[in-house]
Amino acid sequence: MIILLSLSICISIVTGAFFWLYSKEIVWWEWCLAPVIATLAATILYFSFTSLICGDTQTLSGFVVSARYQPYWVEESTSTDSKGRKTTSHTTHYPSWFMTYSTGHIEEVEIKPNDYVDLYNKFGRKRHAVLGSRPSFDHGDRFDYIVNNETNYIQPVVVPKKYINRLKHSTSLFTYKEEKQTIPYPNVTNYFISNRLLGSAKSQFNQLDFDRMNARLGPMKKVNIIFVGFASSDNTLGHQIETQWQGGKKNDLVICYGKNWAYCFGWTEHDIVKRNLESLFLVPTINNTMLSRIESEVRTNYILKDWNKFNYVDINFPLWTYIVCIIIMVLIQVVYFIFALNNNSRKTRKGFNEYRYRR
């Protein structure tokens, strides 16, 4: 892709030079502008297709810090037309509910009214009013109503976040053979409840305790722990899940286990954490009491893989992206040179660097 885009930039330079030498309608700055436009277009196309082809979603874990209720209010704005006439308009802002959460940094998202009420009850049933942001306020309620966590209740949250996964469409040794997923990857469907306990793990671990473990580890270690339990003694099932999920997302730490076997995979700088976690699951009884030891091990030894180390990996762009790039680059150059040949600038040779422009 980079070679193709670089070639198109070179073609724009050669095409501009040809018109500059053999046509009076092309002046020096029009020639110089052609590769600039081609370079800008090539850059936009490359990053757009990289984002489209390699775009992926990881899951971040954290906890709720506070909740906010913004009541009804009306904004008034005044505009003036070209004749000096003033027009007043009103914008209605209906009640909205938000939560502030931490996954290592603080963010706010809109939530449902029932979720706000639930957080209000869990956080101590106390709220205080603060002057809200009300530009051009006309009437309604000027205040927002904040519920802070007075009870230290850990309300876990799971949040999807986009990132560029160059391994997703690479031709490197990290490429996984595509297979039909017997157990679908657990994408985020609810901010407050994850679906990261799969198979028999659903009955062996408490969902809230498991999510709270991720909530404590998430802001610190940026990790997304997933348990996949099997009733089978087939120790190849873990490798099958790794292949089906293509190695997992950027911050995944997936523990697959069954009868007398365990297999952990994920992207980390220290593989020792995976081997240690496997040994924790090689016990007769697997239940909720293991969570504290798992959390301690991840807290001690897990380090998130530096994803920049994969910047060298070549992306295997599909054929249609090359076709689209060629069409767009050709159209841009054709349109530009048609404009340059038909605008009001023209050179008349009076000397090597001396030109007169027609107005």
Protein backbone atom coordinates (compact mmCIF):
# COMPACT_ATOMS: atom_id res chain seq x y z
CA MET A 1 0.00 0.00 0.00
CA ILE A 2 2.78 2.43 0.91
CA ILE A 3 4.63 1.60 -2.32
CA LEU A 4 1.48 2.20 -4.37
CA LEU A 5 0.78 5.54 -2.69
CA SER A 6 4.42 6.63 -3.05
CA LEU A 7 4.29 5.72 -6.75
CA SER A 8 1.18 7.86 -7.21
CA ILE A 9 3.01 10.84 -5.65
CA CYS A 10 5.93 10.32 -8.04
CA ILE A 11 3.52 10.17 -10.98
CA SER A 12 2.02 13.51 -9.92
CA ILE A 13 5.51 15.05 -9.92
CA VAL A 14 6.32 13.68 -13.38
CA THR A 15 2.89 14.70 -14.75
CA GLY A 16 3.30 18.21 -13.35
CA ALA A 17 6.77 18.49 -14.87
CA PHE A 18 5.44 17.44 -18.28
CA PHE A 19 2.66 20.04 -18.26
CA TRP A 20 5.02 22.71 -16.92
CA LEU A 21 7.50 22.11 -19.74
CA TYR A 22 5.02 21.75 -22.61
CA SER A 23 2.03 23.88 -21.61
CA LYS A 24 1.82 27.61 -20.99
CA GLU A 25 -1.20 27.02 -18.77
CA ILE A 26 0.84 25.44 -15.94
CA VAL A 27 3.01 27.74 -13.82
CA TRP A 28 5.66 26.67 -11.33
CA TRP A 29 3.48 26.80 -8.17
CA GLU A 30 0.79 24.65 -9.82
CA TRP A 31 3.42 22.04 -10.58
CA CYS A 32 4.71 22.16 -6.97
CA LEU A 33 1.18 21.98 -5.55
CA ALA A 34 0.36 18.70 -7.36
CA PRO A 35 2.66 16.43 -5.26
CA VAL A 36 1.59 18.25 -2.09
CA ILE A 37 -2.06 17.40 -2.80
CA ALA A 38 -1.09 13.85 -3.77
CA THR A 39 0.93 13.41 -0.55
CA LEU A 40 -1.95 14.72 1.58
CA ALA A 41 -4.44 12.42 -0.17
CA ALA A 42 -2.10 9.42 0.13
CA THR A 43 -1.61 10.04 3.86
CA ILE A 44 -5.35 10.30 4.48
CA LEU A 45 -6.03 7.15 2.46
CA TYR A 46 -3.33 5.13 4.21
CA PHE A 47 -4.45 5.97 7.73
CA SER A 48 -8.12 5.64 6.81
CA PHE A 49 -7.65 2.14 5.39
CA THR A 50 -5.37 1.15 8.28
CA SER A 51 -8.05 2.22 10.74
CA LEU A 52 -10.77 0.47 8.74
CA ILE A 53 -8.90 -2.80 8.18
CA CYS A 54 -7.03 -3.02 11.49
CA GLY A 55 -9.55 -1.31 13.77
CA ASP A 56 -10.28 -3.43 16.84
CA THR A 57 -11.90 -3.05 20.26
CA GLN A 58 -10.42 -3.85 23.62
CA THR A 59 -12.26 -3.95 26.95
CA LEU A 60 -11.21 -1.63 29.77
CA SER A 61 -12.21 -2.32 33.36
CA GLY A 62 -12.75 0.20 36.13
CA PHE A 63 -15.21 1.47 38.70
CA VAL A 64 -17.82 4.21 39.09
CA VAL A 65 -16.67 7.36 40.89
CA SER A 66 -19.90 9.38 40.90
CA ALA A 67 -23.22 9.93 39.14
CA ARG A 68 -24.77 13.17 37.88
CA TYR A 69 -28.32 14.24 37.10
CA GLN A 70 -28.85 17.20 34.76
CA PRO A 71 -32.47 18.41 34.92
CA TYR A 72 -34.60 20.23 32.34
CA TRP A 73 -33.40 23.66 31.18
CA VAL A 74 -33.82 25.95 28.16
CA GLU A 75 -31.09 27.79 26.29
CA GLU A 76 -31.78 31.08 24.49
CA SER A 77 -29.73 32.29 21.54
CA THR A 78 -29.95 35.42 19.40
CA SER A 79 -28.80 35.75 15.78
CA THR A 80 -28.62 38.77 13.49
CA ASP A 81 -29.18 38.58 9.73
CA SER A 82 -27.51 40.67 7.01
CA LYS A 83 -30.16 43.38 7.39
CA GLY A 84 -29.58 43.76 11.11
CA ARG A 85 -32.76 41.97 12.17
CA LYS A 86 -32.47 39.94 15.36
CA THR A 87 -34.02 36.52 15.79
CA THR A 88 -34.36 34.75 19.12
CA SER A 89 -34.52 30.95 19.33
CA HIS A 90 -34.76 28.48 22.19
CA THR A 91 -33.16 25.05 22.62
CA THR A 92 -34.64 22.64 25.15
CA HIS A 93 -32.31 20.37 27.11
CA TYR A 94 -34.24 17.46 28.53
CA PRO A 95 -33.22 15.61 31.72
CA SER A 96 -30.06 13.52 31.36
CA TRP A 97 -28.19 11.13 33.63
CA PHE A 98 -24.44 10.48 33.62
CA MET A 99 -21.81 8.48 35.47
CA THR A 100 -18.14 9.31 35.99
CA TYR A 101 -15.84 6.30 36.04
CA SER A 102 -12.13 5.54 36.26
CA THR A 103 -10.21 3.05 34.13
CA GLY A 104 -6.90 4.76 34.88
CA HIS A 105 -8.22 8.12 33.78
CA ILE A 106 -11.56 9.79 34.47
CA GLU A 107 -14.33 9.81 31.85
CA GLU A 108 -18.08 10.43 31.81
CA VAL A 109 -20.83 8.66 29.85
CA GLU A 110 -24.58 8.97 29.71
CA ILE A 111 -26.60 6.28 31.51
CA LYS A 112 -30.24 5.34 31.98
CA PRO A 113 -32.39 6.87 34.77
CA ASN A 114 -32.68 3.49 36.51
CA ASP A 115 -28.88 3.17 36.60
CA TYR A 116 -28.62 6.59 38.26
CA VAL A 117 -31.16 5.56 40.89
CA ASP A 118 -29.29 2.30 41.49
CA LEU A 119 -26.00 4.16 42.01
CA TYR A 120 -27.78 6.68 44.25
CA ASN A 121 -28.93 3.85 46.53
CA LYS A 122 -25.57 2.04 46.53
CA PHE A 123 -23.54 5.21 47.17
CA GLY A 124 -25.37 6.28 50.33
CA ARG A 125 -28.50 8.07 49.09
CA LYS A 126 -26.90 11.50 49.34
CA ARG A 127 -26.56 14.07 46.59
CA HIS A 128 -25.52 17.70 46.42
CA ALA A 129 -26.26 20.48 43.96
CA VAL A 130 -23.55 22.20 41.92
CA LEU A 131 -23.97 25.00 39.43
CA GLY A 132 -24.08 23.33 36.02
CA SER A 133 -22.72 24.47 32.69
CA ARG A 134 -25.63 26.45 31.23
CA PRO A 135 -24.48 28.71 28.37
CA SER A 136 -27.16 31.26 27.41
CA PHE A 137 -29.45 30.01 30.20
CA ASP A 138 -33.06 31.22 29.87
CA HIS A 139 -35.14 29.21 32.32
CA GLY A 140 -35.31 25.83 34.04
CA ASP A 141 -32.93 24.41 36.66
CA ARG A 142 -29.42 25.88 36.84
CA PHE A 143 -28.05 23.07 39.00
CA ASP A 144 -26.72 19.55 38.45
CA TYR A 145 -27.17 16.97 41.20
CA ILE A 146 -24.09 14.87 42.03
CA VAL A 147 -24.01 11.54 43.86
CA ASN A 148 -20.55 10.76 45.24
CA ASN A 149 -19.53 7.33 46.49
CA GLU A 150 -19.91 7.78 50.25
CA THR A 151 -19.98 4.04 51.00
CA ASN A 152 -16.82 2.96 49.08
CA TYR A 153 -19.00 0.51 47.19
CA ILE A 154 -17.09 -0.90 44.22
CA GLN A 155 -19.39 -0.71 41.22
CA PRO A 156 -17.49 -2.32 38.34
CA VAL A 157 -17.72 -0.97 34.80
CA VAL A 158 -16.58 -2.42 31.49
CA VAL A 159 -15.92 0.00 28.66
CA PRO A 160 -15.06 -0.74 24.99
CA LYS A 161 -12.17 1.23 23.51
CA LYS A 162 -10.94 1.31 19.91
CA TYR A 163 -7.33 0.65 18.95
CA ILE A 164 -5.28 -0.33 15.88
CA ASN A 165 -4.48 -4.04 15.78
CA ARG A 166 -1.87 -4.56 13.07
CA LEU A 167 -1.81 -8.30 13.79
CA LYS A 168 -5.44 -8.60 12.71
CA HIS A 169 -4.54 -8.48 9.00
CA SER A 170 -0.83 -9.23 8.95
CA THR A 171 1.29 -11.71 7.07
CA SER A 172 3.61 -12.28 10.03
CA LEU A 173 4.20 -15.27 12.27
CA PHE A 174 1.49 -13.86 14.55
CA THR A 175 -1.20 -14.62 11.98
CA TYR A 176 -3.85 -17.07 13.19
CA LYS A 177 -5.84 -19.32 10.92
CA GLU A 178 -9.44 -18.17 10.81
CA GLU A 179 -11.83 -20.69 12.33
CA LYS A 180 -15.49 -20.68 13.25
CA GLN A 181 -15.84 -19.58 16.86
CA THR A 182 -17.29 -22.31 19.06
CA ILE A 183 -17.32 -19.83 21.97
CA PRO A 184 -17.88 -16.24 20.76
CA TYR A 185 -15.56 -13.53 22.05
CA PRO A 186 -17.19 -11.67 24.99
CA ASN A 187 -17.79 -8.17 23.65
CA VAL A 188 -19.16 -5.43 25.91
CA THR A 189 -22.98 -5.33 25.97
CA ASN A 190 -23.55 -3.74 29.37
CA TYR A 191 -21.49 -1.12 31.21
CA PHE A 192 -22.15 -2.70 34.61
CA ILE A 193 -22.07 -6.46 33.99
CA SER A 194 -19.41 -8.23 31.94
CA ASN A 195 -19.76 -11.54 30.12
CA ARG A 196 -16.15 -12.65 30.70
CA LEU A 197 -17.08 -15.83 32.59
CA LEU A 198 -17.62 -18.42 29.88
CA GLY A 199 -18.49 -22.11 29.88
CA SER A 200 -18.37 -23.77 33.28
CA ALA A 201 -16.69 -20.67 34.76
CA LYS A 202 -20.16 -19.09 35.02
CA SER A 203 -21.14 -21.51 37.77
CA GLN A 204 -17.75 -21.72 39.48
CA PHE A 205 -17.18 -18.00 40.08
CA ASN A 206 -19.37 -15.19 41.40
CA GLN A 207 -19.96 -12.63 38.65
CA LEU A 208 -19.80 -9.54 40.88
CA ASP A 209 -16.65 -10.67 42.70
CA PHE A 210 -14.99 -11.49 39.38
CA ASP A 211 -15.90 -8.10 37.90
CA ARG A 212 -14.66 -6.34 41.04
CA MET A 213 -11.32 -8.10 40.67
CA ASN A 214 -11.09 -6.73 37.12
CA ALA A 215 -12.24 -3.31 38.39
CA ARG A 216 -9.33 -3.17 40.85
CA LEU A 217 -6.76 -4.44 38.36
CA GLY A 218 -8.02 -2.49 35.34
CA PRO A 219 -6.94 1.06 36.28
CA MET A 220 -3.55 -0.20 37.52
CA LYS A 221 -2.58 -2.96 35.06
CA LYS A 222 -4.86 -2.20 32.07
CA VAL A 223 -5.70 -5.92 31.92
CA ASN A 224 -8.89 -7.68 30.83
CA ILE A 225 -9.11 -11.10 32.49
CA ILE A 226 -11.37 -13.75 30.93
CA PHE A 227 -12.13 -17.25 32.27
CA VAL A 228 -13.22 -20.03 29.92
CA GLY A 229 -14.15 -23.28 31.67
CA PHE A 230 -14.56 -26.73 30.06
CA ALA A 231 -15.85 -30.00 31.48
CA SER A 232 -13.55 -31.88 29.09
CA SER A 233 -10.06 -33.27 29.66
CA ASP A 234 -9.04 -32.30 26.10
CA ASN A 235 -6.12 -29.93 26.68
CA THR A 236 -6.16 -28.68 23.07
CA LEU A 237 -9.35 -26.68 23.68
CA GLY A 238 -7.42 -23.72 25.06
CA HIS A 239 -5.29 -23.53 21.91
CA GLN A 240 -8.46 -23.71 19.81
CA ILE A 241 -9.90 -20.70 21.65
CA GLU A 242 -6.61 -18.82 21.15
CA THR A 243 -6.78 -19.51 17.41
CA GLN A 244 -10.48 -18.65 17.13
CA TRP A 245 -9.96 -15.37 19.00
CA GLN A 246 -6.73 -14.66 17.04
CA GLY A 247 -4.62 -14.38 20.17
CA GLY A 248 -7.07 -12.15 22.00
CA LYS A 249 -7.31 -8.39 22.15
CA LYS A 250 -4.54 -5.99 23.12
CA ASN A 251 -5.00 -6.27 26.91
CA ASP A 252 -6.61 -9.73 27.23
CA LEU A 253 -5.39 -12.35 29.67
CA VAL A 254 -7.47 -15.44 28.91
CA ILE A 255 -7.40 -18.49 31.18
CA CYS A 256 -8.87 -21.67 29.68
CA TYR A 257 -9.12 -24.74 31.88
CA GLY A 258 -10.72 -28.16 32.13
CA LYS A 259 -10.13 -31.48 33.88
CA ASN A 260 -6.46 -31.56 34.92
CA TRP A 261 -5.32 -28.95 32.43
CA ALA A 262 -5.07 -25.18 32.07
CA TYR A 263 -3.84 -22.89 29.31
CA CYS A 264 -3.39 -19.13 29.52
CA PHE A 265 -2.78 -16.80 26.57
CA GLY A 266 -2.60 -13.06 26.08
CA TRP A 267 -0.21 -10.24 25.24
CA THR A 268 2.20 -9.45 28.06
CA GLU A 269 5.85 -8.57 28.52
CA HIS A 270 6.22 -11.30 31.18
CA ASP A 271 5.08 -14.77 30.11
CA ILE A 272 5.79 -16.06 33.62
CA VAL A 273 2.43 -14.67 34.75
CA LYS A 274 0.66 -17.01 32.31
CA ARG A 275 2.53 -20.07 33.53
CA ASN A 276 1.85 -19.15 37.17
CA LEU A 277 -1.86 -18.68 36.49
CA GLU A 278 -2.01 -22.08 34.80
CA SER A 279 -0.57 -23.70 37.90
CA LEU A 280 -3.24 -22.03 40.07
CA PHE A 281 -5.95 -23.82 38.06
CA LEU A 282 -4.35 -27.27 38.36
CA VAL A 283 -6.24 -28.04 41.58
CA PRO A 284 -9.11 -30.44 42.39
CA THR A 285 -11.60 -27.68 43.20
CA ILE A 286 -11.99 -24.47 41.21
CA ASN A 287 -14.16 -21.82 42.87
CA ASN A 288 -14.47 -18.22 44.01
CA THR A 289 -11.80 -18.51 46.72
CA MET A 290 -9.12 -18.51 43.99
CA LEU A 291 -9.80 -14.92 42.96
CA SER A 292 -7.56 -13.34 45.60
CA ARG A 293 -4.56 -15.45 44.52
CA ILE A 294 -5.24 -14.73 40.85
CA GLU A 295 -5.47 -11.01 41.57
CA SER A 296 -2.22 -11.10 43.55
CA GLU A 297 -0.39 -12.90 40.75
CA VAL A 298 -1.58 -10.48 38.06
CA ARG A 299 -0.84 -7.48 40.26
CA THR A 300 2.70 -8.74 40.86
CA ASN A 301 3.83 -10.07 37.48
CA TYR A 302 1.57 -8.82 34.67
CA ILE A 303 2.89 -6.07 32.41
CA LEU A 304 0.85 -4.97 29.39
CA LYS A 305 2.56 -5.62 26.06
CA ASP A 306 3.95 -2.50 24.42
CA TRP A 307 1.83 -2.51 21.26
CA ASN A 308 4.26 -0.15 19.51
CA LYS A 309 6.62 -3.10 19.17
CA PHE A 310 4.31 -4.41 16.44
CA ASN A 311 4.58 -1.29 14.27
CA TYR A 312 7.01 -3.18 12.01
CA VAL A 313 4.36 -5.78 11.12
CA ASP A 314 3.19 -5.55 7.50
CA ILE A 315 -0.55 -5.20 6.97
CA ASN A 316 -2.10 -7.49 4.37
CA PHE A 317 -4.48 -5.01 2.72
CA PRO A 318 -7.23 -6.69 0.64
CA LEU A 319 -7.32 -6.20 -3.12
CA TRP A 320 -10.32 -3.84 -3.04
CA THR A 321 -8.37 -1.26 -1.01
CA TYR A 322 -5.73 -1.04 -3.76
CA ILE A 323 -8.41 -0.61 -6.42
CA VAL A 324 -10.12 2.14 -4.42
CA CYS A 325 -6.78 3.89 -3.82
CA ILE A 326 -5.91 3.88 -7.53
CA ILE A 327 -9.33 5.25 -8.49
CA ILE A 328 -9.24 8.02 -5.88
CA MET A 329 -5.65 9.08 -6.62
CA VAL A 330 -6.30 9.17 -10.38
CA LEU A 331 -9.50 11.20 -9.92
CA ILE A 332 -7.75 13.70 -7.64
CA GLN A 333 -4.93 14.23 -10.13
CA VAL A 334 -7.27 14.49 -13.12
CA VAL A 335 -9.50 17.03 -11.39
CA TYR A 336 -6.52 19.05 -10.19
CA PHE A 337 -4.79 19.28 -13.58
CA ILE A 338 -8.08 20.12 -15.34
CA PHE A 339 -8.43 23.01 -12.89
CA ALA A 340 -4.78 24.05 -13.37
CA LEU A 341 -5.10 24.01 -17.17
CA ASN A 342 -8.26 26.09 -17.16
CA ASN A 343 -7.68 28.72 -14.48
CA ASN A 344 -6.43 32.27 -15.14
CA SER A 345 -2.74 31.67 -14.49
CA ARG A 346 -0.51 31.38 -17.55
CA LYS A 347 3.19 31.84 -18.23
CA THR A 348 4.88 33.62 -21.10
CA ARG A 349 8.59 32.86 -21.36
CA LYS A 350 10.67 36.04 -21.26
CA GLY A 351 13.59 34.48 -19.49
CA PHE A 352 14.38 31.31 -17.60
CA ASN A 353 12.57 32.35 -14.40
CA GLU A 354 10.53 35.29 -15.61
CA TYR A 355 6.81 34.90 -16.23
CA ARG A 356 3.84 37.17 -16.87
CA TYR A 357 0.44 36.05 -15.57
CA ARG A 358 -2.77 36.71 -17.41
CA ARG A 359 -5.49 38.16 -15.18
